[in-house]
C-alpha atoms as a PDB file:
ATOM      1  CA  UNK A   1     121.912 100.500  98.246  1.00  0.00           C
ATOM      2  CA  UNK A   2     120.482  99.828  94.959  1.00  0.00           C
ATOM      3  CA  UNK A   3     117.607  99.340  92.842  1.00  0.00           C
ATOM      4  CA  UNK A   4     116.794  95.490  94.535  1.00  0.00           C
ATOM      5  CA  UNK A   5     117.665  95.969  97.892  1.00  0.00           C
ATOM      6  CA  UNK A   6     115.338  99.382  98.486  1.00  0.00           C
ATOM      7  CA  UNK A   7     112.228  97.192  97.218  1.00  0.00           C
ATOM      8  CA  UNK A   8     112.942  94.362  99.215  1.00  0.00           C
ATOM      9  CA  UNK A   9     113.085  97.213 102.192  1.00  0.00           C
ATOM     10  CA  UNK A  10     109.441  98.484 101.074  1.00  0.00           C
ATOM     11  CA  UNK A  11     108.094  95.285 100.173  1.00  0.00           C
ATOM     12  CA  UNK A  12     108.832  94.777 103.981  1.00  0.00           C
ATOM     13  CA  UNK A  13     107.991  97.899 105.942  1.00  0.00           C
ATOM     14  CA  UNK A  14     104.305  97.638 103.340  1.00  0.00           C
ATOM     15  CA  UNK A  15     103.587  93.949 104.625  1.00  0.00           C
ATOM     16  CA  UNK A  16     104.392  94.528 109.026  1.00  0.00           C
ATOM     17  CA  UNK A  17     102.437  97.683 109.299  1.00  0.00           C
ATOM     18  CA  UNK A  18      99.559  95.769 106.842  1.00  0.00           C
ATOM     19  CA  UNK A  19     100.078  93.382 109.353  1.00  0.00           C
ATOM     20  CA  UNK A  20     100.008  96.248 112.338  1.00  0.00           C
ATOM     21  CA  UNK A  21      96.690  97.850 110.660  1.00  0.00           C
ATOM     22  CA  UNK A  22      94.630  94.101 109.645  1.00  0.00           C
ATOM     23  CA  UNK A  23      95.331  93.869 114.017  1.00  0.00           C
ATOM     24  CA  UNK A  24      94.118  96.933 114.690  1.00  0.00           C
ATOM     25  CA  UNK A  25      91.202  96.883 112.440  1.00  0.00           C
ATOM     26  CA  UNK A  26      90.759  93.245 113.744  1.00  0.00           C
ATOM     27  CA  UNK A  27      90.660  94.047 117.000  1.00  0.00           C
ATOM     28  CA  UNK A  28      86.683  94.467 119.076  1.00  0.00           C
ATOM     29  CA  UNK A  29      86.207  94.828 122.839  1.00  0.00           C
ATOM     30  CA  UNK A  30      84.078  91.592 124.000  1.00  0.00           C
ATOM     31  CA  UNK A  31      81.320  92.338 125.873  1.00  0.00           C
ATOM     32  CA  UNK A  32      80.532  90.145 128.245  1.00  0.00           C
ATOM     33  CA  UNK A  33      76.678  89.267 130.445  1.00  0.00           C
ATOM     34  CA  UNK A  34      76.431  89.657 133.222  1.00  0.00           C
ATOM     35  CA  UNK A  35      76.677  85.550 133.723  1.00  0.00           C
ATOM     36  CA  UNK A  36      79.341  85.496 131.793  1.00  0.00           C
ATOM     37  CA  UNK A  37      81.866  88.201 134.073  1.00  0.00           C
ATOM     38  CA  UNK A  38      80.663  86.460 136.973  1.00  0.00           C
ATOM     39  CA  UNK A  39      81.942  82.527 135.573  1.00  0.00           C
ATOM     40  CA  UNK A  40      84.875  83.665 134.415  1.00  0.00           C
ATOM     41  CA  UNK A  41      85.101  85.941 138.499  1.00  0.00           C
ATOM     42  CA  UNK A  42      83.896  82.120 139.999  1.00  0.00           C
ATOM     43  CA  UNK A  43      86.744  80.649 138.174  1.00  0.00           C
ATOM     44  CA  UNK A  44      89.416  83.424 138.852  1.00  0.00           C
ATOM     45  CA  UNK A  45      89.082  82.634 142.405  1.00  0.00           C
ATOM     46  CA  UNK A  46      88.907  78.853 142.115  1.00  0.00           C
ATOM     47  CA  UNK A  47      92.567  79.091 140.451  1.00  0.00           C
ATOM     48  CA  UNK A  48      94.382  81.642 142.828  1.00  0.00           C
ATOM     49  CA  UNK A  49      92.717  79.437 145.918  1.00  0.00           C
ATOM     50  CA  UNK A  50      94.419  76.077 144.660  1.00  0.00           C
ATOM     51  CA  UNK A  51      97.147  78.245 144.198  1.00  0.00           C
ATOM     52  CA  UNK A  52      97.992  79.449 147.651  1.00  0.00           C
ATOM     53  CA  UNK A  53      97.264  75.337 148.644  1.00  0.00           C
ATOM     54  CA  UNK A  54     100.084  74.942 146.114  1.00  0.00           C
ATOM     55  CA  UNK A  55     101.926  76.935 147.839  1.00  0.00           C
ATOM     56  CA  UNK A  56     101.661  76.056 151.315  1.00  0.00           C
ATOM     57  CA  UNK A  57     103.074  71.990 150.163  1.00  0.00           C
END
């Protein structure tokens, strides 16, 4: 393995590692209000009801 290939390999690994660290650093949890959680549950229930009706047809 010559120096050019080694340099490209190190550069590629650095880009991958940097991307992973950036994703980890920018990830954050969602703090949803009770109202938002209720709306999500309502939409989920409606979607599941729709799916069951489509499966019966």
